[in-house]
Amino acid sequence: MSIPIRLNIISPTSAFLTALCLSVAASLSSCQKDLTYGNVNGETKVDIAFEGAQWATMSTWLFSPSGGQLFYSLPTNRTTAVDAPSPQFSALCYNDNSDINRFEIVSWDDATVTTGATDLLSRSSFGGTLAEIPRGGDPDEPVLYQPTPLHADTCSMCQGKVLTLRPKSVLTELTITIREIENIDGLQTASAALSGMASSMSLSRLQPQGTSCTIPIELTLSKDNELKGTALSFGHCSDGARKHVLTLYVLLSDGQKIYYNYDVTEQLHSAHGTSGIVLEIATLKLPETIPNGGFNPQLDGWGTVEEEIEL
């Protein structure tokens, strides 16, 4: 007795369409994971809106009192309904569009942003060996990149169905100006560094924290023959106990390398707010260069001048 056998033959076209559908489904699933991750119970919903945001999207974290947390990358041009980790929760948001700023989110109390290590001076600008660069502040301080613009906002123990976040700049902005420069014709290039600055910031408290660091600051010569530079930082010491030294590095046309130290502790600690902090040096006397001496970037050693800052 013969047994009938049924064969299900799938045409090449059907196989291709099946594979395509599976690929699209996998892509959509991946996009969803990029949008949000964490433990979602689906029981609590909240509408999140942004006011005054300068960025298209904001990285947003929601934390429950028990330790659960959820992450969302949310658009700032509309209100978005999302799951909350619990009926009462804490929230923080920030723009995350830079390779310089490094975020580490462990919990509400342990959410920080910092930067990575960098060179104190530009080798291409100063030439020669830079192995023994003098330091104006603590020589053991790490030299870190300045943070890039950072806007953030927080909400501790939020409740309700609607949460409005208003991210604003949370960094300290500094401007440095060096005015009357004697023997400026011999100036080849200049740079600066500021010691005793905070190495990180708490994102839940929006306050500087961590050990101190030194940040390099680029200087340019203006049309008025003034050296000017701007800097962003996480702020300076919160306890008011650190010393802050502004070090000016100068390379002259004949290869002389000079650095000047200015104690700016009082000026920083007496400044109000975090924006518009101005450090001005009234006069700078550069050494005379050697006439027709030629440029020698390999000249060893740095000359040093300790200066009392004149505002």
C-alpha atoms as a PDB file:
ATOM      1  CA  MET A   1       0.000   0.000   0.000  1.00  0.00           C
ATOM      2  CA  SER A   2       1.421   3.362  -0.967  1.00  0.00           C
ATOM      3  CA  ILE A   3       1.587   6.256   1.488  1.00  0.00           C
ATOM      4  CA  PRO A   4       0.864   9.696   0.003  1.00  0.00           C
ATOM      5  CA  ILE A   5       3.606  12.294   0.581  1.00  0.00           C
ATOM      6  CA  ARG A   6       2.824  16.068   0.501  1.00  0.00           C
ATOM      7  CA  LEU A   7       5.688  18.404  -0.438  1.00  0.00           C
ATOM      8  CA  ASN A   8       5.493  22.144   0.453  1.00  0.00           C
ATOM      9  CA  ILE A   9       7.556  23.834  -2.221  1.00  0.00           C
ATOM     10  CA  ILE A  10       8.419  27.513  -1.581  1.00  0.00           C
ATOM     11  CA  SER A  11       9.175  29.527  -4.675  1.00  0.00           C
ATOM     12  CA  PRO A  12      12.337  31.726  -4.742  1.00  0.00           C
ATOM     13  CA  THR A  13      10.129  34.832  -4.716  1.00  0.00           C
ATOM     14  CA  SER A  14       8.300  33.729  -1.564  1.00  0.00           C
ATOM     15  CA  ALA A  15      11.576  32.890   0.168  1.00  0.00           C
ATOM     16  CA  PHE A  16      12.952  36.346  -0.612  1.00  0.00           C
ATOM     17  CA  LEU A  17       9.842  38.118   0.698  1.00  0.00           C
ATOM     18  CA  THR A  18       9.925  36.054   3.885  1.00  0.00           C
ATOM     19  CA  ALA A  19      13.569  36.905   4.512  1.00  0.00           C
ATOM     20  CA  LEU A  20      12.886  40.586   3.810  1.00  0.00           C
ATOM     21  CA  CYS A  21      10.036  40.716   6.321  1.00  0.00           C
ATOM     22  CA  LEU A  22      12.186  39.093   8.994  1.00  0.00           C
ATOM     23  CA  SER A  23      14.982  41.603   8.321  1.00  0.00           C
ATOM     24  CA  VAL A  24      12.621  44.596   8.615  1.00  0.00           C
ATOM     25  CA  ALA A  25      11.179  43.227  11.850  1.00  0.00           C
ATOM     26  CA  ALA A  26      14.653  42.801  13.296  1.00  0.00           C
ATOM     27  CA  SER A  27      15.569  46.371  12.302  1.00  0.00           C
ATOM     28  CA  LEU A  28      12.472  47.793  13.966  1.00  0.00           C
ATOM     29  CA  SER A  29      13.243  45.830  17.097  1.00  0.00           C
ATOM     30  CA  SER A  30      16.795  47.238  17.106  1.00  0.00           C
ATOM     31  CA  CYS A  31      15.509  50.811  16.712  1.00  0.00           C
ATOM     32  CA  GLN A  32      13.193  50.315  19.665  1.00  0.00           C
ATOM     33  CA  LYS A  33      16.117  49.191  21.818  1.00  0.00           C
ATOM     34  CA  ASP A  34      18.061  52.293  20.835  1.00  0.00           C
ATOM     35  CA  LEU A  35      15.180  54.467  22.026  1.00  0.00           C
ATOM     36  CA  THR A  36      14.711  53.019  25.481  1.00  0.00           C
ATOM     37  CA  TYR A  37      16.087  50.406  27.811  1.00  0.00           C
ATOM     38  CA  GLY A  38      15.528  49.355  31.401  1.00  0.00           C
ATOM     39  CA  ASN A  39      12.843  47.545  33.330  1.00  0.00           C
ATOM     40  CA  VAL A  40       9.416  48.573  32.020  1.00  0.00           C
ATOM     41  CA  ASN A  41       6.348  47.374  33.896  1.00  0.00           C
ATOM     42  CA  GLY A  42       3.875  49.366  31.812  1.00  0.00           C
ATOM     43  CA  GLU A  43       1.834  50.298  34.880  1.00  0.00           C
ATOM     44  CA  THR A  44       2.855  53.978  35.182  1.00  0.00           C
ATOM     45  CA  LYS A  45       2.832  56.450  32.304  1.00  0.00           C
ATOM     46  CA  VAL A  46       4.159  60.007  32.163  1.00  0.00           C
ATOM     47  CA  ASP A  47       4.136  62.681  29.458  1.00  0.00           C
ATOM     48  CA  ILE A  48       7.579  64.329  29.131  1.00  0.00           C
ATOM     49  CA  ALA A  49       7.948  67.749  27.491  1.00  0.00           C
ATOM     50  CA  PHE A  50      10.891  70.155  27.127  1.00  0.00           C
ATOM     51  CA  GLU A  51      10.971  73.952  27.264  1.00  0.00           C
ATOM     52  CA  GLY A  52      13.815  76.069  25.906  1.00  0.00           C
ATOM     53  CA  ALA A  53      15.857  73.099  24.692  1.00  0.00           C
ATOM     54  CA  GLN A  54      18.513  73.947  22.095  1.00  0.00           C
ATOM     55  CA  TRP A  55      19.029  70.351  20.977  1.00  0.00           C
ATOM     56  CA  ALA A  56      16.856  68.089  18.817  1.00  0.00           C
ATOM     57  CA  THR A  57      16.957  65.241  21.324  1.00  0.00           C
ATOM     58  CA  MET A  58      17.769  64.900  25.006  1.00  0.00           C
ATOM     59  CA  SER A  59      19.086  61.840  26.811  1.00  0.00           C
ATOM     60  CA  THR A  60      16.609  61.297  29.642  1.00  0.00           C
ATOM     61  CA  TRP A  61      16.855  58.991  32.660  1.00  0.00           C
ATOM     62  CA  LEU A  62      14.073  58.072  35.088  1.00  0.00           C
ATOM     63  CA  PHE A  63      14.955  56.518  38.473  1.00  0.00           C
ATOM     64  CA  SER A  64      12.668  54.773  40.953  1.00  0.00           C
ATOM     65  CA  PRO A  65      13.339  55.038  44.719  1.00  0.00           C
ATOM     66  CA  SER A  66      14.019  51.294  44.802  1.00  0.00           C
ATOM     67  CA  GLY A  67      16.870  51.575  42.305  1.00  0.00           C
ATOM     68  CA  GLY A  68      15.196  50.788  38.990  1.00  0.00           C
ATOM     69  CA  GLN A  69      15.924  53.063  36.054  1.00  0.00           C
ATOM     70  CA  LEU A  70      14.830  53.717  32.490  1.00  0.00           C
ATOM     71  CA  PHE A  71      16.596  55.506  29.642  1.00  0.00           C
ATOM     72  CA  TYR A  72      14.968  57.368  26.754  1.00  0.00           C
ATOM     73  CA  SER A  73      16.308  59.444  23.886  1.00  0.00           C
ATOM     74  CA  LEU A  74      13.457  61.919  23.507  1.00  0.00           C
ATOM     75  CA  PRO A  75      12.659  64.575  20.881  1.00  0.00           C
ATOM     76  CA  THR A  76      12.429  68.094  22.266  1.00  0.00           C
ATOM     77  CA  ASN A  77       9.887  69.468  19.779  1.00  0.00           C
ATOM     78  CA  ARG A  78       6.903  67.503  21.120  1.00  0.00           C
ATOM     79  CA  THR A  79       5.539  65.808  24.231  1.00  0.00           C
ATOM     80  CA  THR A  80       6.259  62.083  24.455  1.00  0.00           C
ATOM     81  CA  ALA A  81       4.333  59.536  26.541  1.00  0.00           C
ATOM     82  CA  VAL A  82       6.680  57.002  28.165  1.00  0.00           C
ATOM     83  CA  ASP A  83       6.650  54.366  30.862  1.00  0.00           C
ATOM     84  CA  ALA A  84       7.901  55.463  34.297  1.00  0.00           C
ATOM     85  CA  PRO A  85       9.738  53.062  36.618  1.00  0.00           C
ATOM     86  CA  SER A  86       7.352  53.840  39.511  1.00  0.00           C
ATOM     87  CA  PRO A  87       4.570  56.309  40.466  1.00  0.00           C
ATOM     88  CA  GLN A  88       7.200  58.499  42.163  1.00  0.00           C
ATOM     89  CA  PHE A  89      10.559  58.874  40.444  1.00  0.00           C
ATOM     90  CA  SER A  90      13.526  61.184  39.861  1.00  0.00           C
ATOM     91  CA  ALA A  91      14.563  62.396  36.410  1.00  0.00           C
ATOM     92  CA  LEU A  92      17.526  63.986  34.673  1.00  0.00           C
ATOM     93  CA  CYS A  93      18.205  64.980  31.087  1.00  0.00           C
ATOM     94  CA  TYR A  94      21.221  66.214  29.124  1.00  0.00           C
ATOM     95  CA  ASN A  95      22.430  66.653  25.547  1.00  0.00           C
ATOM     96  CA  ASP A  96      24.730  63.832  24.502  1.00  0.00           C
ATOM     97  CA  ASN A  97      26.118  64.866  21.121  1.00  0.00           C
ATOM     98  CA  SER A  98      29.860  65.070  21.787  1.00  0.00           C
ATOM     99  CA  ASP A  99      32.752  62.634  21.928  1.00  0.00           C
ATOM    100  CA  ILE A 100      34.472  64.829  24.541  1.00  0.00           C
ATOM    101  CA  ASN A 101      31.900  64.634  27.344  1.00  0.00           C
ATOM    102  CA  ARG A 102      31.838  61.208  28.978  1.00  0.00           C
ATOM    103  CA  PHE A 103      28.715  60.168  30.885  1.00  0.00           C
ATOM    104  CA  GLU A 104      28.516  57.453  33.522  1.00  0.00           C
ATOM    105  CA  ILE A 105      25.027  56.735  34.853  1.00  0.00           C
ATOM    106  CA  VAL A 106      25.021  54.169  37.654  1.00  0.00           C
ATOM    107  CA  SER A 107      22.159  55.495  39.761  1.00  0.00           C
ATOM    108  CA  TRP A 108      20.439  58.777  40.655  1.00  0.00           C
ATOM    109  CA  ASP A 109      23.103  59.548  43.260  1.00  0.00           C
ATOM    110  CA  ASP A 110      25.925  58.304  41.044  1.00  0.00           C
ATOM    111  CA  ALA A 111      25.373  60.017  37.696  1.00  0.00           C
ATOM    112  CA  THR A 112      28.433  61.937  36.482  1.00  0.00           C
ATOM    113  CA  VAL A 113      29.996  63.569  33.449  1.00  0.00           C
ATOM    114  CA  THR A 114      33.730  64.053  32.904  1.00  0.00           C
ATOM    115  CA  THR A 115      36.235  64.315  30.027  1.00  0.00           C
ATOM    116  CA  GLY A 116      39.415  62.527  28.971  1.00  0.00           C
ATOM    117  CA  ALA A 117      43.111  63.307  29.183  1.00  0.00           C
ATOM    118  CA  THR A 118      44.790  65.661  26.727  1.00  0.00           C
ATOM    119  CA  ASP A 119      48.109  67.466  26.145  1.00  0.00           C
ATOM    120  CA  LEU A 120      48.916  70.605  28.092  1.00  0.00           C
ATOM    121  CA  LEU A 121      50.388  72.346  25.033  1.00  0.00           C
ATOM    122  CA  SER A 122      50.147  71.899  21.286  1.00  0.00           C
ATOM    123  CA  ARG A 123      53.282  70.248  19.945  1.00  0.00           C
ATOM    124  CA  SER A 124      52.702  71.679  16.484  1.00  0.00           C
ATOM    125  CA  SER A 125      52.517  75.239  17.864  1.00  0.00           C
ATOM    126  CA  PHE A 126      55.390  75.143  20.334  1.00  0.00           C
ATOM    127  CA  GLY A 127      57.742  72.748  18.533  1.00  0.00           C
ATOM    128  CA  GLY A 128      60.613  70.782  20.016  1.00  0.00           C
ATOM    129  CA  THR A 129      60.227  68.428  22.937  1.00  0.00           C
ATOM    130  CA  LEU A 130      57.440  69.093  25.413  1.00  0.00           C
ATOM    131  CA  ALA A 131      58.362  66.339  27.845  1.00  0.00           C
ATOM    132  CA  GLU A 132      59.227  68.741  30.666  1.00  0.00           C
ATOM    133  CA  ILE A 133      56.465  71.338  30.570  1.00  0.00           C
ATOM    134  CA  PRO A 134      56.425  73.408  33.775  1.00  0.00           C
ATOM    135  CA  ARG A 135      53.197  73.408  35.758  1.00  0.00           C
ATOM    136  CA  GLY A 136      51.831  76.393  37.634  1.00  0.00           C
ATOM    137  CA  GLY A 137      49.541  74.407  39.928  1.00  0.00           C
ATOM    138  CA  ASP A 138      49.767  70.906  41.377  1.00  0.00           C
ATOM    139  CA  PRO A 139      52.060  68.937  39.012  1.00  0.00           C
ATOM    140  CA  ASP A 140      50.157  65.738  39.842  1.00  0.00           C
ATOM    141  CA  GLU A 141      46.827  67.089  38.606  1.00  0.00           C
ATOM    142  CA  PRO A 142      45.574  65.370  35.450  1.00  0.00           C
ATOM    143  CA  VAL A 143      45.292  67.542  32.348  1.00  0.00           C
ATOM    144  CA  LEU A 144      41.776  67.099  30.942  1.00  0.00           C
ATOM    145  CA  TYR A 145      39.873  68.374  27.939  1.00  0.00           C
ATOM    146  CA  GLN A 146      37.492  71.240  28.505  1.00  0.00           C
ATOM    147  CA  PRO A 147      33.909  69.923  28.367  1.00  0.00           C
ATOM    148  CA  THR A 148      31.842  70.799  25.330  1.00  0.00           C
ATOM    149  CA  PRO A 149      28.560  72.738  25.787  1.00  0.00           C
ATOM    150  CA  LEU A 150      26.311  70.873  28.214  1.00  0.00           C
ATOM    151  CA  HIS A 151      22.652  71.627  28.934  1.00  0.00           C
ATOM    152  CA  ALA A 152      20.834  69.675  31.627  1.00  0.00           C
ATOM    153  CA  ASP A 153      17.920  69.660  34.054  1.00  0.00           C
ATOM    154  CA  THR A 154      16.756  67.462  36.918  1.00  0.00           C
ATOM    155  CA  CYS A 155      13.658  66.661  38.939  1.00  0.00           C
ATOM    156  CA  SER A 156      13.909  64.912  42.308  1.00  0.00           C
ATOM    157  CA  MET A 157      10.940  62.803  43.426  1.00  0.00           C
ATOM    158  CA  CYS A 158       8.569  63.772  40.605  1.00  0.00           C
ATOM    159  CA  GLN A 159       4.892  62.870  40.718  1.00  0.00           C
ATOM    160  CA  GLY A 160       1.975  63.292  38.340  1.00  0.00           C
ATOM    161  CA  LYS A 161       1.218  62.504  34.745  1.00  0.00           C
ATOM    162  CA  VAL A 162       3.179  65.380  33.136  1.00  0.00           C
ATOM    163  CA  LEU A 163       6.863  66.270  33.545  1.00  0.00           C
ATOM    164  CA  THR A 164       8.333  69.407  31.944  1.00  0.00           C
ATOM    165  CA  LEU A 165      12.127  69.663  31.827  1.00  0.00           C
ATOM    166  CA  ARG A 166      13.924  72.944  31.122  1.00  0.00           C
ATOM    167  CA  PRO A 167      17.538  72.177  30.177  1.00  0.00           C
ATOM    168  CA  LYS A 168      19.985  75.057  30.471  1.00  0.00           C
ATOM    169  CA  SER A 169      23.760  75.477  30.383  1.00  0.00           C
ATOM    170  CA  VAL A 170      25.348  74.048  33.534  1.00  0.00           C
ATOM    171  CA  LEU A 171      29.020  74.753  32.804  1.00  0.00           C
ATOM    172  CA  THR A 172      31.244  77.538  34.102  1.00  0.00           C
ATOM    173  CA  GLU A 173      32.248  79.984  31.359  1.00  0.00           C
ATOM    174  CA  LEU A 174      35.509  81.913  31.635  1.00  0.00           C
ATOM    175  CA  THR A 175      37.087  84.644  29.540  1.00  0.00           C
ATOM    176  CA  ILE A 176      40.777  85.503  29.764  1.00  0.00           C
ATOM    177  CA  THR A 177      42.201  88.785  28.471  1.00  0.00           C
ATOM    178  CA  ILE A 178      45.826  89.978  28.591  1.00  0.00           C
ATOM    179  CA  ARG A 179      45.927  93.629  27.634  1.00  0.00           C
ATOM    180  CA  GLU A 180      49.075  95.763  27.398  1.00  0.00           C
ATOM    181  CA  ILE A 181      51.829  93.512  26.023  1.00  0.00           C
ATOM    182  CA  GLU A 182      55.346  94.923  25.848  1.00  0.00           C
ATOM    183  CA  ASN A 183      57.707  93.653  23.101  1.00  0.00           C
ATOM    184  CA  ILE A 184      54.747  92.039  21.349  1.00  0.00           C
ATOM    185  CA  ASP A 185      56.614  91.978  18.009  1.00  0.00           C
ATOM    186  CA  GLY A 186      58.654  89.040  19.291  1.00  0.00           C
ATOM    187  CA  LEU A 187      55.592  86.936  20.163  1.00  0.00           C
ATOM    188  CA  GLN A 188      55.375  83.721  18.138  1.00  0.00           C
ATOM    189  CA  THR A 189      52.542  81.898  19.916  1.00  0.00           C
ATOM    190  CA  ALA A 190      50.920  81.695  23.338  1.00  0.00           C
ATOM    191  CA  SER A 191      48.724  79.340  25.307  1.00  0.00           C
ATOM    192  CA  ALA A 192      47.406  79.068  28.858  1.00  0.00           C
ATOM    193  CA  ALA A 193      46.334  76.558  31.490  1.00  0.00           C
ATOM    194  CA  LEU A 194      44.173  76.887  34.599  1.00  0.00           C
ATOM    195  CA  SER A 195      44.696  74.618  37.601  1.00  0.00           C
ATOM    196  CA  GLY A 196      42.447  73.511  40.445  1.00  0.00           C
ATOM    197  CA  MET A 197      39.313  73.046  38.330  1.00  0.00           C
ATOM    198  CA  ALA A 198      36.726  70.314  38.940  1.00  0.00           C
ATOM    199  CA  SER A 199      37.327  67.121  36.984  1.00  0.00           C
ATOM    200  CA  SER A 200      33.646  66.120  36.828  1.00  0.00           C
ATOM    201  CA  MET A 201      30.074  67.152  37.608  1.00  0.00           C
ATOM    202  CA  SER A 202      27.209  65.423  39.374  1.00  0.00           C
ATOM    203  CA  LEU A 203      24.286  65.279  36.957  1.00  0.00           C
ATOM    204  CA  SER A 204      21.697  64.791  39.702  1.00  0.00           C
ATOM    205  CA  ARG A 205      22.916  67.798  41.737  1.00  0.00           C
ATOM    206  CA  LEU A 206      24.378  69.770  38.802  1.00  0.00           C
ATOM    207  CA  GLN A 207      27.385  70.667  40.951  1.00  0.00           C
ATOM    208  CA  PRO A 208      31.151  70.257  40.446  1.00  0.00           C
ATOM    209  CA  GLN A 209      32.741  67.253  42.094  1.00  0.00           C
ATOM    210  CA  GLY A 210      35.749  64.953  41.910  1.00  0.00           C
ATOM    211  CA  THR A 211      39.443  65.664  42.161  1.00  0.00           C
ATOM    212  CA  SER A 212      40.986  68.807  40.735  1.00  0.00           C
ATOM    213  CA  CYS A 213      42.405  68.998  37.233  1.00  0.00           C
ATOM    214  CA  THR A 214      44.164  71.427  34.906  1.00  0.00           C
ATOM    215  CA  ILE A 215      42.501  72.546  31.681  1.00  0.00           C
ATOM    216  CA  PRO A 216      44.428  73.961  28.694  1.00  0.00           C
ATOM    217  CA  ILE A 217      43.115  77.171  27.114  1.00  0.00           C
ATOM    218  CA  GLU A 218      43.834  78.380  23.588  1.00  0.00           C
ATOM    219  CA  LEU A 219      44.831  82.028  23.204  1.00  0.00           C
ATOM    220  CA  THR A 220      44.643  84.190  20.102  1.00  0.00           C
ATOM    221  CA  LEU A 221      46.035  87.645  19.363  1.00  0.00           C
ATOM    222  CA  SER A 222      43.268  90.145  18.646  1.00  0.00           C
ATOM    223  CA  LYS A 223      43.372  93.159  16.346  1.00  0.00           C
ATOM    224  CA  ASP A 224      43.914  95.285  19.452  1.00  0.00           C
ATOM    225  CA  ASN A 225      47.132  93.326  20.203  1.00  0.00           C
ATOM    226  CA  GLU A 226      45.522  91.614  23.193  1.00  0.00           C
ATOM    227  CA  LEU A 227      45.742  87.913  23.990  1.00  0.00           C
ATOM    228  CA  LYS A 228      42.272  86.466  24.496  1.00  0.00           C
ATOM    229  CA  GLY A 229      40.836  83.053  25.262  1.00  0.00           C
ATOM    230  CA  THR A 230      37.637  81.406  26.444  1.00  0.00           C
ATOM    231  CA  ALA A 231      37.100  78.228  28.427  1.00  0.00           C
ATOM    232  CA  LEU A 232      34.330  75.947  29.650  1.00  0.00           C
ATOM    233  CA  SER A 233      34.676  73.874  32.799  1.00  0.00           C
ATOM    234  CA  PHE A 234      32.650  71.872  35.306  1.00  0.00           C
ATOM    235  CA  GLY A 235      33.416  74.612  37.823  1.00  0.00           C
ATOM    236  CA  HIS A 236      36.068  74.996  40.474  1.00  0.00           C
ATOM    237  CA  CYS A 237      36.330  73.592  43.972  1.00  0.00           C
ATOM    238  CA  SER A 238      33.054  73.422  45.863  1.00  0.00           C
ATOM    239  CA  ASP A 239      34.802  73.672  49.249  1.00  0.00           C
ATOM    240  CA  GLY A 240      36.744  76.843  48.381  1.00  0.00           C
ATOM    241  CA  ALA A 241      40.008  75.256  49.510  1.00  0.00           C
ATOM    242  CA  ARG A 242      41.842  74.752  46.241  1.00  0.00           C
ATOM    243  CA  LYS A 243      44.421  77.098  44.760  1.00  0.00           C
ATOM    244  CA  HIS A 244      43.939  78.221  41.169  1.00  0.00           C
ATOM    245  CA  VAL A 245      46.921  79.239  39.067  1.00  0.00           C
ATOM    246  CA  LEU A 246      46.643  80.652  35.560  1.00  0.00           C
ATOM    247  CA  THR A 247      49.830  79.760  33.672  1.00  0.00           C
ATOM    248  CA  LEU A 248      50.712  81.622  30.491  1.00  0.00           C
ATOM    249  CA  TYR A 249      53.069  79.840  28.088  1.00  0.00           C
ATOM    250  CA  VAL A 250      54.855  82.015  25.523  1.00  0.00           C
ATOM    251  CA  LEU A 251      57.069  81.057  22.583  1.00  0.00           C
ATOM    252  CA  LEU A 252      59.117  83.935  21.138  1.00  0.00           C
ATOM    253  CA  SER A 253      60.324  84.360  17.570  1.00  0.00           C
ATOM    254  CA  ASP A 254      63.920  83.460  18.522  1.00  0.00           C
ATOM    255  CA  GLY A 255      62.891  80.212  20.254  1.00  0.00           C
ATOM    256  CA  GLN A 256      62.799  81.448  23.854  1.00  0.00           C
ATOM    257  CA  LYS A 257      60.121  79.728  25.945  1.00  0.00           C
ATOM    258  CA  ILE A 258      58.759  81.685  28.909  1.00  0.00           C
ATOM    259  CA  TYR A 259      55.958  80.913  31.314  1.00  0.00           C
ATOM    260  CA  TYR A 260      54.180  83.221  33.752  1.00  0.00           C
ATOM    261  CA  ASN A 261      52.204  82.145  36.819  1.00  0.00           C
ATOM    262  CA  TYR A 262      49.248  84.177  38.084  1.00  0.00           C
ATOM    263  CA  ASP A 263      47.449  83.224  41.298  1.00  0.00           C
ATOM    264  CA  VAL A 264      43.776  83.791  40.412  1.00  0.00           C
ATOM    265  CA  THR A 265      42.266  81.982  43.410  1.00  0.00           C
ATOM    266  CA  GLU A 266      40.632  85.076  44.860  1.00  0.00           C
ATOM    267  CA  GLN A 267      39.241  86.156  41.513  1.00  0.00           C
ATOM    268  CA  LEU A 268      37.577  82.780  40.911  1.00  0.00           C
ATOM    269  CA  HIS A 269      36.230  82.345  44.426  1.00  0.00           C
ATOM    270  CA  SER A 270      34.767  85.843  44.527  1.00  0.00           C
ATOM    271  CA  ALA A 271      33.014  85.515  41.153  1.00  0.00           C
ATOM    272  CA  HIS A 272      29.229  85.289  41.261  1.00  0.00           C
ATOM    273  CA  GLY A 273      27.449  82.683  39.183  1.00  0.00           C
ATOM    274  CA  THR A 274      28.905  80.347  36.582  1.00  0.00           C
ATOM    275  CA  SER A 275      28.748  82.481  33.444  1.00  0.00           C
ATOM    276  CA  GLY A 276      30.694  85.531  32.426  1.00  0.00           C
ATOM    277  CA  ILE A 277      33.670  85.008  34.785  1.00  0.00           C
ATOM    278  CA  VAL A 278      36.411  87.300  33.493  1.00  0.00           C
ATOM    279  CA  LEU A 279      40.116  87.045  34.339  1.00  0.00           C
ATOM    280  CA  GLU A 280      42.014  90.088  33.120  1.00  0.00           C
ATOM    281  CA  ILE A 281      45.756  90.685  33.220  1.00  0.00           C
ATOM    282  CA  ALA A 282      46.490  94.373  32.812  1.00  0.00           C
ATOM    283  CA  THR A 283      50.082  94.199  31.576  1.00  0.00           C
ATOM    284  CA  LEU A 284      52.546  91.629  30.255  1.00  0.00           C
ATOM    285  CA  LYS A 285      56.236  92.323  29.684  1.00  0.00           C
ATOM    286  CA  LEU A 286      57.830  89.891  27.266  1.00  0.00           C
ATOM    287  CA  PRO A 287      61.635  89.537  27.025  1.00  0.00           C
ATOM    288  CA  GLU A 288      63.338  91.184  24.111  1.00  0.00           C
ATOM    289  CA  THR A 289      64.170  88.759  21.331  1.00  0.00           C
ATOM    290  CA  ILE A 290      67.653  88.319  19.880  1.00  0.00           C
ATOM    291  CA  PRO A 291      67.908  90.370  16.664  1.00  0.00           C
ATOM    292  CA  ASN A 292      68.492  88.175  13.612  1.00  0.00           C
ATOM    293  CA  GLY A 293      69.013  85.269  15.947  1.00  0.00           C
ATOM    294  CA  GLY A 294      66.818  82.947  13.925  1.00  0.00           C
ATOM    295  CA  PHE A 295      64.196  80.588  15.326  1.00  0.00           C
ATOM    296  CA  ASN A 296      65.388  77.598  17.337  1.00  0.00           C
ATOM    297  CA  PRO A 297      62.482  75.495  18.668  1.00  0.00           C
ATOM    298  CA  GLN A 298      64.927  73.104  20.345  1.00  0.00           C
ATOM    299  CA  LEU A 299      66.116  75.635  22.922  1.00  0.00           C
ATOM    300  CA  ASP A 300      66.189  73.855  26.279  1.00  0.00           C
ATOM    301  CA  GLY A 301      64.540  75.074  29.444  1.00  0.00           C
ATOM    302  CA  TRP A 302      61.790  77.478  30.263  1.00  0.00           C
ATOM    303  CA  GLY A 303      62.222  80.912  31.768  1.00  0.00           C
ATOM    304  CA  THR A 304      59.719  81.610  34.511  1.00  0.00           C
ATOM    305  CA  VAL A 305      58.079  84.736  35.906  1.00  0.00           C
ATOM    306  CA  GLU A 306      55.837  84.776  38.967  1.00  0.00           C
ATOM    307  CA  GLU A 307      53.337  87.595  38.617  1.00  0.00           C
ATOM    308  CA  GLU A 308      50.856  89.298  40.894  1.00  0.00           C
ATOM    309  CA  ILE A 309      47.714  89.639  38.843  1.00  0.00           C
ATOM    310  CA  GLU A 310      46.593  93.185  38.057  1.00  0.00           C
ATOM    311  CA  LEU A 311      42.892  93.592  37.279  1.00  0.00           C
END
